[in-house]
Amino acid sequence: AEYMGSKLLIMEPSVDANIQVILADPSNSACCDCSTPQPQYVSVNNGILLCLNCANIHAAFGDSISLMKTLPEAAQPDCFMYVRLGGNSNFTNFIQAYGLVQEPQQVKYRTKAAEFYRQRLKAMVTNVPFTASAPVVSEGRQAMAIEVPKELSWSEKISAAASAAAEKTKQAGKFVADKSKVAYTAAKDKTNEIIAKPEVQAATAVAKEKISSASDAVTNAWSGMMWKIKGGESAEAKVEEKKKQKT
């Protein structure tokens, strides 16, 4: 384990072994930029080791130009191969062909040659085919193109914000709909599962029988009542008929 500021970095045995492999390259025993011995920082995408002072300079370049890590962090599996396949000597030998070794760091790492080296190293690490040719010296010494984002007008900013809000609302609506559908399906399946149980089937059959019996009883009672009503009406009619006959 090693302390990095207030953070305790736990190093696995493989990380310790990777550090030994990195330091076994003699060119990695000194800072790639200023030759300070025992560098403890790594520019991962350039595959080089740096001292603290140079690491601070590189940190201002941005991750796309120089992704900074401590040596133990760079020895982790996801970064190790950048240093293993790169290293100080490989980087220095490449940019030396372009006469860039003595150039200021702010210039050297922003050239087309340095960018080509980073892209080629990434392809090697990720095992992706790389067919681009190294730039000629005059082109390699040129500054790499940096895309400057277009400044949007207020109306464009409002339109973009409205579109983003609409998209989030759409996604939220879809999320709720999907969740509701899942919940409905789960409830339906659970209901069918309960209904299919033998004890529920038996209870349902008994309930149906009781409802049928109750319905029959109501029907019979209604019929009996109607017969009584009709019988009473008939008797009353006979009495009236006899009264008429007497008169």
Protein backbone atom coordinates (compact mmCIF):
# COMPACT_ATOMS: atom_id res chain seq x y z
CA ALA A 1 0.00 0.00 0.00
CA GLU A 2 1.13 3.55 -0.69
CA TYR A 3 -0.26 6.90 0.39
CA MET A 4 -1.16 9.38 -2.37
CA GLY A 5 -2.08 12.59 -0.54
CA SER A 6 -4.97 11.63 1.72
CA LYS A 7 -5.82 8.54 -0.36
CA LEU A 8 -4.45 5.11 0.40
CA LEU A 9 -3.74 3.29 -2.86
CA ILE A 10 -3.84 -0.48 -2.46
CA MET A 11 -1.46 -2.08 -4.94
CA GLU A 12 -2.06 -5.65 -6.07
CA PRO A 13 0.90 -8.00 -6.60
CA SER A 14 0.47 -7.61 -10.39
CA VAL A 15 0.82 -3.83 -10.03
CA ASP A 16 4.10 -4.19 -8.14
CA ALA A 17 5.35 -6.50 -10.88
CA ASN A 18 4.26 -4.02 -13.58
CA ILE A 19 6.19 -1.23 -11.84
CA GLN A 20 9.32 -3.38 -11.88
CA VAL A 21 8.83 -4.03 -15.61
CA ILE A 22 8.46 -0.29 -16.29
CA LEU A 23 11.55 0.63 -14.28
CA ALA A 24 13.57 -2.17 -15.88
CA ASP A 25 13.83 0.04 -18.98
CA PRO A 26 16.90 2.23 -18.26
CA SER A 27 15.39 5.18 -20.15
CA ASN A 28 12.51 5.23 -17.66
CA SER A 29 14.82 5.88 -14.71
CA ALA A 30 14.83 9.63 -15.45
CA CYS A 31 12.20 12.20 -16.43
CA CYS A 32 11.59 12.14 -20.18
CA ASP A 33 11.54 15.95 -20.39
CA CYS A 34 14.24 17.16 -17.98
CA SER A 35 16.18 14.00 -16.96
CA THR A 36 15.41 14.35 -13.22
CA PRO A 37 16.10 10.87 -11.72
CA GLN A 38 13.44 8.54 -10.30
CA PRO A 39 10.31 9.99 -11.95
CA GLN A 40 7.08 9.04 -10.18
CA TYR A 41 4.48 10.26 -12.67
CA VAL A 42 3.31 8.96 -16.05
CA SER A 43 1.82 10.63 -19.10
CA VAL A 44 -0.23 7.60 -20.09
CA ASN A 45 -1.18 8.43 -23.67
CA ASN A 46 2.42 9.48 -24.44
CA GLY A 47 3.75 6.41 -22.60
CA ILE A 48 6.45 8.36 -20.75
CA LEU A 49 7.62 8.93 -17.15
CA LEU A 50 7.94 12.44 -15.70
CA CYS A 51 9.09 14.20 -12.56
CA LEU A 52 6.71 16.22 -10.39
CA ASN A 53 7.55 19.57 -11.97
CA CYS A 54 7.06 18.35 -15.53
CA ALA A 55 3.93 16.45 -14.51
CA ASN A 56 2.42 19.74 -13.30
CA ILE A 57 3.17 21.31 -16.69
CA HIS A 58 1.60 18.36 -18.53
CA ALA A 59 -1.50 18.52 -16.35
CA ALA A 60 -2.33 21.88 -17.95
CA PHE A 61 -2.31 20.36 -21.47
CA GLY A 62 -5.56 18.45 -20.97
CA ASP A 63 -6.12 14.69 -20.97
CA SER A 64 -6.28 14.38 -24.76
CA ILE A 65 -2.66 15.56 -25.01
CA SER A 66 -1.27 14.25 -21.73
CA LEU A 67 -3.27 12.03 -19.37
CA MET A 68 -1.43 12.20 -16.07
CA LYS A 69 -1.27 9.37 -13.51
CA THR A 70 1.01 8.46 -10.63
CA LEU A 71 3.36 5.55 -11.35
CA PRO A 72 1.32 3.05 -9.24
CA GLU A 73 -1.88 4.16 -10.99
CA ALA A 74 -0.24 3.82 -14.42
CA ALA A 75 0.88 0.31 -13.50
CA GLN A 76 -2.77 -0.76 -13.24
CA PRO A 77 -3.83 -3.13 -16.08
CA ASP A 78 -5.82 -0.49 -17.99
CA CYS A 79 -2.78 1.83 -18.32
CA PHE A 80 0.25 -0.43 -18.04
CA MET A 81 0.56 -1.38 -21.72
CA TYR A 82 0.89 2.28 -22.76
CA VAL A 83 4.14 2.50 -20.82
CA ARG A 84 5.18 -1.06 -21.66
CA LEU A 85 4.84 -0.52 -25.41
CA GLY A 86 5.90 3.12 -25.22
CA GLY A 87 8.51 4.24 -22.74
CA ASN A 88 10.83 7.25 -22.65
CA SER A 89 13.28 5.95 -25.26
CA ASN A 90 10.66 5.15 -27.89
CA PHE A 91 9.01 8.56 -27.55
CA THR A 92 12.31 10.45 -27.57
CA ASN A 93 13.66 8.55 -30.58
CA PHE A 94 10.48 9.26 -32.53
CA ILE A 95 10.33 13.02 -31.95
CA GLN A 96 14.10 13.34 -32.38
CA ALA A 97 13.58 12.63 -36.08
CA TYR A 98 11.53 15.84 -36.18
CA GLY A 99 14.05 17.91 -34.23
CA LEU A 100 11.57 18.38 -31.36
CA VAL A 101 13.52 17.03 -28.37
CA GLN A 102 14.77 20.44 -27.28
CA GLU A 103 11.54 22.29 -28.03
CA PRO A 104 9.50 23.64 -25.05
CA GLN A 105 6.98 21.16 -23.69
CA GLN A 106 4.09 23.45 -24.62
CA VAL A 107 5.22 23.18 -28.26
CA LYS A 108 6.57 19.62 -28.43
CA TYR A 109 3.45 17.78 -27.28
CA ARG A 110 1.07 19.84 -29.41
CA THR A 111 2.75 19.00 -32.72
CA LYS A 112 1.33 16.71 -35.40
CA ALA A 113 4.26 14.35 -34.83
CA ALA A 114 3.41 13.94 -31.12
CA GLU A 115 -0.28 13.46 -31.95
CA PHE A 116 0.61 10.78 -34.52
CA TYR A 117 2.74 9.00 -31.91
CA ARG A 118 -0.13 9.05 -29.38
CA GLN A 119 -2.62 7.68 -31.92
CA ARG A 120 -0.25 4.93 -33.04
CA LEU A 121 0.52 3.94 -29.45
CA LYS A 122 -3.20 3.78 -28.63
CA ALA A 123 -3.80 1.53 -31.62
CA MET A 124 -1.01 -0.79 -30.49
CA VAL A 125 -2.41 -1.00 -26.94
CA THR A 126 -6.02 -1.56 -28.06
CA ASN A 127 -4.96 -3.93 -30.87
CA VAL A 128 -6.69 -1.84 -33.52
CA PRO A 129 -5.29 -1.71 -37.10
CA PHE A 130 -3.40 1.53 -37.75
CA THR A 131 -2.57 2.29 -41.39
CA ALA A 132 -1.69 6.00 -41.22
CA SER A 133 1.82 6.99 -42.25
CA ALA A 134 4.07 9.14 -40.07
CA PRO A 135 4.05 12.78 -41.20
CA VAL A 136 7.06 14.15 -43.03
CA VAL A 137 9.37 16.34 -40.96
CA SER A 138 7.98 19.66 -42.12
CA GLU A 139 4.42 18.55 -41.40
CA GLY A 140 5.27 16.78 -38.13
CA ARG A 141 6.73 19.96 -36.67
CA GLN A 142 3.48 21.83 -37.29
CA ALA A 143 1.05 22.44 -34.47
CA MET A 144 -1.84 20.00 -34.41
CA ALA A 145 -5.23 21.39 -35.36
CA ILE A 146 -7.29 22.31 -32.31
CA GLU A 147 -11.01 22.58 -32.93
CA VAL A 148 -12.45 25.69 -31.32
CA PRO A 149 -16.12 25.25 -30.44
CA LYS A 150 -18.47 27.66 -32.17
CA GLU A 151 -19.96 30.32 -29.91
CA LEU A 152 -23.75 29.95 -30.04
CA SER A 153 -26.12 32.91 -30.22
CA TRP A 154 -28.66 33.39 -27.43
CA SER A 155 -31.46 32.02 -29.61
CA GLU A 156 -29.35 28.96 -30.48
CA LYS A 157 -28.53 28.42 -26.79
CA ILE A 158 -32.22 28.64 -25.85
CA SER A 159 -33.15 26.28 -28.69
CA ALA A 160 -30.46 23.81 -27.66
CA ALA A 161 -31.58 23.96 -24.01
CA ALA A 162 -35.21 23.45 -25.04
CA SER A 163 -34.27 20.48 -27.21
CA ALA A 164 -32.24 18.96 -24.39
CA ALA A 165 -35.13 19.47 -21.94
CA ALA A 166 -37.60 17.93 -24.41
CA GLU A 167 -35.33 14.93 -24.92
CA LYS A 168 -34.99 14.44 -21.15
CA THR A 169 -38.77 14.70 -20.75
CA LYS A 170 -39.23 12.15 -23.53
CA GLN A 171 -36.75 9.79 -21.91
CA ALA A 172 -38.39 10.26 -18.51
CA GLY A 173 -41.83 9.54 -20.02
CA LYS A 174 -40.53 6.42 -21.70
CA PHE A 175 -38.90 5.32 -18.44
CA VAL A 176 -42.18 5.74 -16.53
CA ALA A 177 -44.15 3.98 -19.27
CA ASP A 178 -41.72 1.07 -19.32
CA LYS A 179 -41.83 0.79 -15.54
CA SER A 180 -45.65 0.89 -15.56
CA LYS A 181 -45.79 -1.79 -18.24
CA VAL A 182 -43.43 -4.00 -16.28
CA ALA A 183 -45.44 -3.45 -13.08
CA TYR A 184 -48.75 -4.21 -14.88
CA THR A 185 -47.34 -7.38 -16.42
CA ALA A 186 -45.93 -8.50 -13.08
CA ALA A 187 -49.28 -7.84 -11.33
CA LYS A 188 -51.17 -9.69 -14.07
CA ASP A 189 -48.83 -12.67 -13.88
CA LYS A 190 -49.10 -12.73 -10.09
CA THR A 191 -52.90 -12.59 -10.27
CA ASN A 192 -52.99 -15.45 -12.79
CA GLU A 193 -50.60 -17.41 -10.58
CA ILE A 194 -52.89 -16.96 -7.57
CA ILE A 195 -56.02 -17.86 -9.56
CA ALA A 196 -54.35 -21.02 -10.85
CA LYS A 197 -53.72 -22.37 -7.34
CA PRO A 198 -55.91 -25.44 -6.52
CA GLU A 199 -57.18 -23.99 -3.25
CA VAL A 200 -58.23 -20.79 -5.00
CA GLN A 201 -59.92 -22.78 -7.77
CA ALA A 202 -61.81 -24.81 -5.15
CA ALA A 203 -62.84 -21.68 -3.22
CA THR A 204 -63.98 -20.07 -6.47
CA ALA A 205 -66.10 -23.12 -7.33
CA VAL A 206 -67.73 -23.09 -3.89
CA ALA A 207 -68.41 -19.37 -4.18
CA LYS A 208 -69.98 -19.85 -7.62
CA GLU A 209 -72.17 -22.66 -6.26
CA LYS A 210 -73.31 -20.50 -3.34
CA ILE A 211 -74.05 -17.60 -5.66
CA SER A 212 -76.03 -19.92 -7.94
CA SER A 213 -77.99 -21.33 -4.97
CA ALA A 214 -78.69 -17.86 -3.63
CA SER A 215 -79.86 -16.75 -7.07
CA ASP A 216 -82.20 -19.74 -7.30
CA ALA A 217 -83.58 -19.00 -3.82
CA VAL A 218 -84.27 -15.39 -4.76
CA THR A 219 -85.97 -16.47 -7.97
CA ASN A 220 -88.16 -18.99 -6.12
CA ALA A 221 -89.07 -16.46 -3.45
CA TRP A 222 -89.99 -13.92 -6.10
CA SER A 223 -92.12 -16.45 -7.94
CA GLY A 224 -93.90 -17.48 -4.74
CA MET A 225 -94.61 -13.88 -3.87
CA MET A 226 -96.02 -13.23 -7.33
CA TRP A 227 -98.27 -16.28 -7.09
CA LYS A 228 -99.59 -15.09 -3.76
CA ILE A 229 -100.27 -11.66 -5.14
CA LYS A 230 -102.10 -13.13 -8.11
CA GLY A 231 -104.05 -15.50 -5.84
CA GLY A 232 -105.14 -12.60 -3.64
CA GLU A 233 -106.25 -10.59 -6.64
CA SER A 234 -108.31 -13.57 -7.86
CA ALA A 235 -110.07 -14.02 -4.51
CA GLU A 236 -110.88 -10.32 -4.32
CA ALA A 237 -112.39 -10.46 -7.80
CA LYS A 238 -114.67 -13.36 -6.79
CA VAL A 239 -115.97 -11.44 -3.76
CA GLU A 240 -116.80 -8.47 -5.92
CA GLU A 241 -118.59 -10.70 -8.41
CA LYS A 242 -120.79 -12.19 -5.65
CA LYS A 243 -121.70 -8.70 -4.42
CA LYS A 244 -122.85 -7.73 -7.88
CA GLN A 245 -124.99 -10.86 -8.17
CA LYS A 246 -126.81 -10.13 -4.89
CA THR A 247 -127.66 -6.64 -5.99
